C-alpha atoms as a PDB file:
ATOM      1  CA  MET A   1       0.282   7.226  26.920  1.00  0.00           C
ATOM      2  CA  ARG A   2       2.349   8.326  29.888  1.00  0.00           C
ATOM      3  CA  LYS A   3       5.345   9.097  27.638  1.00  0.00           C
ATOM      4  CA  SER A   4       3.234  11.201  25.283  1.00  0.00           C
ATOM      5  CA  ILE A   5       1.846  13.206  28.227  1.00  0.00           C
ATOM      6  CA  LEU A   6       5.385  13.683  29.580  1.00  0.00           C
ATOM      7  CA  SER A   7       6.539  14.818  26.130  1.00  0.00           C
ATOM      8  CA  PHE A   8       3.673  17.277  25.917  1.00  0.00           C
ATOM      9  CA  VAL A   9       4.408  18.724  29.374  1.00  0.00           C
ATOM     10  CA  THR A  10       8.121  19.014  28.518  1.00  0.00           C
ATOM     11  CA  PHE A  11       7.195  20.724  25.276  1.00  0.00           C
ATOM     12  CA  LEU A  12       4.980  23.231  27.117  1.00  0.00           C
ATOM     13  CA  ILE A  13       7.687  24.026  29.659  1.00  0.00           C
ATOM     14  CA  LEU A  14      10.274  24.561  26.934  1.00  0.00           C
ATOM     15  CA  SER A  15       7.801  26.742  25.060  1.00  0.00           C
ATOM     16  CA  PHE A  16       7.645  29.170  27.975  1.00  0.00           C
ATOM     17  CA  VAL A  17      11.334  29.023  28.962  1.00  0.00           C
ATOM     18  CA  GLY A  18      12.942  29.338  25.541  1.00  0.00           C
ATOM     19  CA  ALA A  19      10.103  30.814  23.531  1.00  0.00           C
ATOM     20  CA  GLY A  20      12.275  32.749  21.048  1.00  0.00           C
ATOM     21  CA  THR A  21      14.488  29.815  20.084  1.00  0.00           C
ATOM     22  CA  LEU A  22      11.681  27.297  20.010  1.00  0.00           C
ATOM     23  CA  ASP A  23       9.410  29.566  17.969  1.00  0.00           C
ATOM     24  CA  SER A  24      12.039  30.001  15.261  1.00  0.00           C
ATOM     25  CA  GLN A  25      12.707  26.251  15.285  1.00  0.00           C
ATOM     26  CA  GLU A  26       8.978  25.525  15.003  1.00  0.00           C
ATOM     27  CA  GLU A  27       8.625  28.038  12.174  1.00  0.00           C
ATOM     28  CA  ALA A  28      11.480  26.363  10.284  1.00  0.00           C
ATOM     29  CA  LEU A  29       9.865  22.957  10.861  1.00  0.00           C
ATOM     30  CA  LEU A  30       6.491  24.193   9.662  1.00  0.00           C
ATOM     31  CA  ASN A  31       8.081  25.604   6.508  1.00  0.00           C
ATOM     32  CA  ASN A  32       9.915  22.332   5.930  1.00  0.00           C
ATOM     33  CA  CYS A  33       6.716  20.331   6.363  1.00  0.00           C
ATOM     34  CA  THR A  34       4.625  22.560   4.108  1.00  0.00           C
ATOM     35  CA  ASN A  35       7.188  22.102   1.309  1.00  0.00           C
ATOM     36  CA  ASN A  36       5.901  18.510   1.133  1.00  0.00           C
ATOM     37  CA  LEU A  37       2.278  19.565   1.351  1.00  0.00           C
ATOM     38  CA  LYS A  38       1.586  21.813  -1.617  1.00  0.00           C
ATOM     39  CA  SER A  39      -1.240  21.932  -4.138  1.00  0.00           C
ATOM     40  CA  PRO A  40      -3.370  19.934  -4.781  1.00  0.00           C
ATOM     41  CA  TYR A  41      -3.264  19.152  -1.047  1.00  0.00           C
ATOM     42  CA  ILE A  42      -4.934  21.409   1.504  1.00  0.00           C
ATOM     43  CA  VAL A  43      -3.634  21.445   5.080  1.00  0.00           C
ATOM     44  CA  SER A  44      -6.335  20.200   7.419  1.00  0.00           C
ATOM     45  CA  GLY A  45      -6.179  21.936  10.770  1.00  0.00           C
ATOM     46  CA  GLN A  46      -3.308  22.532  13.159  1.00  0.00           C
ATOM     47  CA  PRO A  47       0.027  20.740  12.993  1.00  0.00           C
ATOM     48  CA  PHE A  48       0.550  17.883  15.414  1.00  0.00           C
ATOM     49  CA  LYS A  49       3.783  18.426  17.320  1.00  0.00           C
ATOM     50  CA  ALA A  50       5.625  16.944  20.251  1.00  0.00           C
ATOM     51  CA  PHE A  51       9.004  17.270  21.892  1.00  0.00           C
ATOM     52  CA  ILE A  52      10.516  13.787  21.936  1.00  0.00           C
ATOM     53  CA  THR A  53      13.524  12.540  23.880  1.00  0.00           C
ATOM     54  CA  GLY A  54      15.305   9.209  23.538  1.00  0.00           C
ATOM     55  CA  ASP A  55      13.008   6.348  22.614  1.00  0.00           C
ATOM     56  CA  GLU A  56       9.783   8.203  23.413  1.00  0.00           C
ATOM     57  CA  VAL A  57       6.874   7.865  21.033  1.00  0.00           C
ATOM     58  CA  ALA A  58       4.436  10.709  20.407  1.00  0.00           C
ATOM     59  CA  GLU A  59       0.859   9.655  19.721  1.00  0.00           C
ATOM     60  CA  PHE A  60      -1.667  11.651  17.712  1.00  0.00           C
ATOM     61  CA  HIS A  61      -5.310  10.794  16.990  1.00  0.00           C
ATOM     62  CA  THR A  62      -7.128  11.809  13.823  1.00  0.00           C
ATOM     63  CA  THR A  63     -10.046  10.788  11.631  1.00  0.00           C
ATOM     64  CA  PHE A  64      -9.827  10.277   7.886  1.00  0.00           C
ATOM     65  CA  PHE A  65     -13.099  10.635   5.990  1.00  0.00           C
ATOM     66  CA  ALA A  66     -14.408   8.473   3.162  1.00  0.00           C
ATOM     67  CA  GLY A  67     -13.784   9.587  -0.388  1.00  0.00           C
ATOM     68  CA  SER A  68     -10.714  11.747   0.271  1.00  0.00           C
ATOM     69  CA  THR A  69      -7.080  11.331  -0.610  1.00  0.00           C
ATOM     70  CA  TYR A  70      -4.710  12.260   2.210  1.00  0.00           C
ATOM     71  CA  ARG A  71      -1.045  13.034   2.699  1.00  0.00           C
ATOM     72  CA  ILE A  72       0.670  12.728   6.072  1.00  0.00           C
ATOM     73  CA  VAL A  73       3.921  14.702   6.310  1.00  0.00           C
ATOM     74  CA  ALA A  74       6.465  14.177   9.110  1.00  0.00           C
ATOM     75  CA  CYS A  75       9.302  16.605   9.893  1.00  0.00           C
ATOM     76  CA  SER A  76      12.057  17.267  12.370  1.00  0.00           C
ATOM     77  CA  THR A  77      15.162  19.423  12.279  1.00  0.00           C
ATOM     78  CA  LYS A  78      17.010  16.675  10.360  1.00  0.00           C
ATOM     79  CA  GLN A  79      15.812  15.245   7.057  1.00  0.00           C
ATOM     80  CA  LYS A  80      14.147  11.821   7.274  1.00  0.00           C
ATOM     81  CA  ASN A  81      14.620  11.741  11.048  1.00  0.00           C
ATOM     82  CA  ILE A  82      11.035  10.905  12.011  1.00  0.00           C
ATOM     83  CA  ILE A  83       9.660   7.400  11.845  1.00  0.00           C
ATOM     84  CA  PHE A  84       5.889   7.516  11.752  1.00  0.00           C
ATOM     85  CA  SER A  85       3.385   4.704  11.800  1.00  0.00           C
ATOM     86  CA  VAL A  86      -0.352   4.791  11.158  1.00  0.00           C
ATOM     87  CA  TYR A  87      -2.655   2.376  12.984  1.00  0.00           C
ATOM     88  CA  ASP A  88      -6.399   1.851  12.946  1.00  0.00           C
ATOM     89  CA  ASN A  89      -8.220   2.160  16.282  1.00  0.00           C
ATOM     90  CA  LYS A  90      -7.590  -1.554  16.968  1.00  0.00           C
ATOM     91  CA  ARG A  91      -3.832  -0.968  16.594  1.00  0.00           C
ATOM     92  CA  ASN A  92      -3.518  -2.783  13.250  1.00  0.00           C
ATOM     93  CA  LEU A  93      -0.554  -1.286  11.393  1.00  0.00           C
ATOM     94  CA  LEU A  94      -1.689   0.410   8.170  1.00  0.00           C
ATOM     95  CA  PHE A  95       1.617   2.040   7.199  1.00  0.00           C
ATOM     96  CA  THR A  96       5.067   2.850   8.504  1.00  0.00           C
ATOM     97  CA  ASN A  97       7.623   4.978   6.709  1.00  0.00           C
ATOM     98  CA  LYS A  98      10.363   2.830   8.242  1.00  0.00           C
ATOM     99  CA  THR A  99       9.892   0.403   5.325  1.00  0.00           C
ATOM    100  CA  VAL A 100      10.525   3.192   2.779  1.00  0.00           C
ATOM    101  CA  GLU A 101      13.706   4.732   4.214  1.00  0.00           C
ATOM    102  CA  ASN A 102      11.845   7.124   6.542  1.00  0.00           C
ATOM    103  CA  ALA A 103      10.145   8.902   3.634  1.00  0.00           C
ATOM    104  CA  PRO A 104       8.843  12.285   4.815  1.00  0.00           C
ATOM    105  CA  TYR A 105       5.267  11.695   3.618  1.00  0.00           C
ATOM    106  CA  TRP A 106       2.654   9.109   2.667  1.00  0.00           C
ATOM    107  CA  ASP A 107      -0.264   9.488   0.241  1.00  0.00           C
ATOM    108  CA  PHE A 108      -3.341   7.297   0.571  1.00  0.00           C
ATOM    109  CA  LYS A 109      -7.037   7.203  -0.261  1.00  0.00           C
ATOM    110  CA  VAL A 110      -9.730   6.335   2.271  1.00  0.00           C
ATOM    111  CA  GLU A 111     -12.711   4.318   1.064  1.00  0.00           C
ATOM    112  CA  GLY A 112     -14.559   4.413   4.388  1.00  0.00           C
ATOM    113  CA  SER A 113     -14.166   6.828   7.303  1.00  0.00           C
ATOM    114  CA  LEU A 114     -11.442   5.689   9.651  1.00  0.00           C
ATOM    115  CA  GLU A 115     -10.239   6.752  13.089  1.00  0.00           C
ATOM    116  CA  CYS A 116      -6.464   6.406  13.267  1.00  0.00           C
ATOM    117  CA  ILE A 117      -3.559   6.671  15.649  1.00  0.00           C
ATOM    118  CA  VAL A 118      -0.359   8.132  14.259  1.00  0.00           C
ATOM    119  CA  GLU A 119       2.813   7.479  16.218  1.00  0.00           C
ATOM    120  CA  ALA A 120       6.063   9.365  15.693  1.00  0.00           C
ATOM    121  CA  LYS A 121       9.538   8.817  17.082  1.00  0.00           C
ATOM    122  CA  LEU A 122      13.074   9.886  16.320  1.00  0.00           C
ATOM    123  CA  GLY A 123      14.629   7.828  13.557  1.00  0.00           C
ATOM    124  CA  SER A 124      18.260   8.478  14.401  1.00  0.00           C
ATOM    125  CA  LYS A 125      20.155   7.178  17.420  1.00  0.00           C
ATOM    126  CA  GLU A 126      22.482  10.200  17.149  1.00  0.00           C
ATOM    127  CA  GLU A 127      19.626  12.551  17.986  1.00  0.00           C
ATOM    128  CA  THR A 128      18.717  12.404  21.660  1.00  0.00           C
ATOM    129  CA  SER A 129      15.828  14.858  21.452  1.00  0.00           C
ATOM    130  CA  GLY A 130      13.872  16.933  18.996  1.00  0.00           C
ATOM    131  CA  ILE A 131      10.531  18.176  17.834  1.00  0.00           C
ATOM    132  CA  ALA A 132       8.382  15.903  15.728  1.00  0.00           C
ATOM    133  CA  MET A 133       5.821  17.691  13.597  1.00  0.00           C
ATOM    134  CA  LEU A 134       3.118  16.046  11.518  1.00  0.00           C
ATOM    135  CA  LEU A 135       0.797  17.730   9.067  1.00  0.00           C
ATOM    136  CA  VAL A 136      -2.216  16.136   7.428  1.00  0.00           C
ATOM    137  CA  GLY A 137      -3.407  17.360   4.065  1.00  0.00           C
ATOM    138  CA  PHE A 138      -6.251  16.240   1.856  1.00  0.00           C
ATOM    139  CA  LYS A 139      -7.636  16.583  -1.629  1.00  0.00           C
ATOM    140  CA  SER A 140     -11.223  15.806  -2.515  1.00  0.00           C
ATOM    141  CA  ASN A 141     -12.420  13.424  -5.214  1.00  0.00           C
ATOM    142  CA  MET A 142     -13.275  16.440  -7.378  1.00  0.00           C
ATOM    143  CA  GLN A 143      -9.554  17.304  -7.534  1.00  0.00           C
ATOM    144  CA  ASP A 144      -8.708  13.740  -8.675  1.00  0.00           C
ATOM    145  CA  GLU A 145     -10.880  14.037 -11.788  1.00  0.00           C
END
């Protein structure tokens, strides 16, 4: 928790100090992420993002609702450089992209509403810092038919 707060504060400071550079980097990340989140998926809400350094882990909380199919997309400035893991609220691991070569997204269907914790960290030891961005998209049951 402390590391995620520190990452968030660092991210805010860098946002004000180097706004031009960071904005263009964020825009490129957002474009990269949305390439993996096209129709029939609809982006749900704001992107989750954090500035991560070293072995820090960013933590995001979200709720998935019954009857929907979701896609979680993870991006950084390098391809397949974010390892993300999805846990239920009791910290049981539901998925990690580490087992599928850091795949940039995961599709899944939720039978019952579920509060989840999504953790993200850098997947490359060569990268000492970077922005992790996660997008969540959904499609309703009506789109599956």
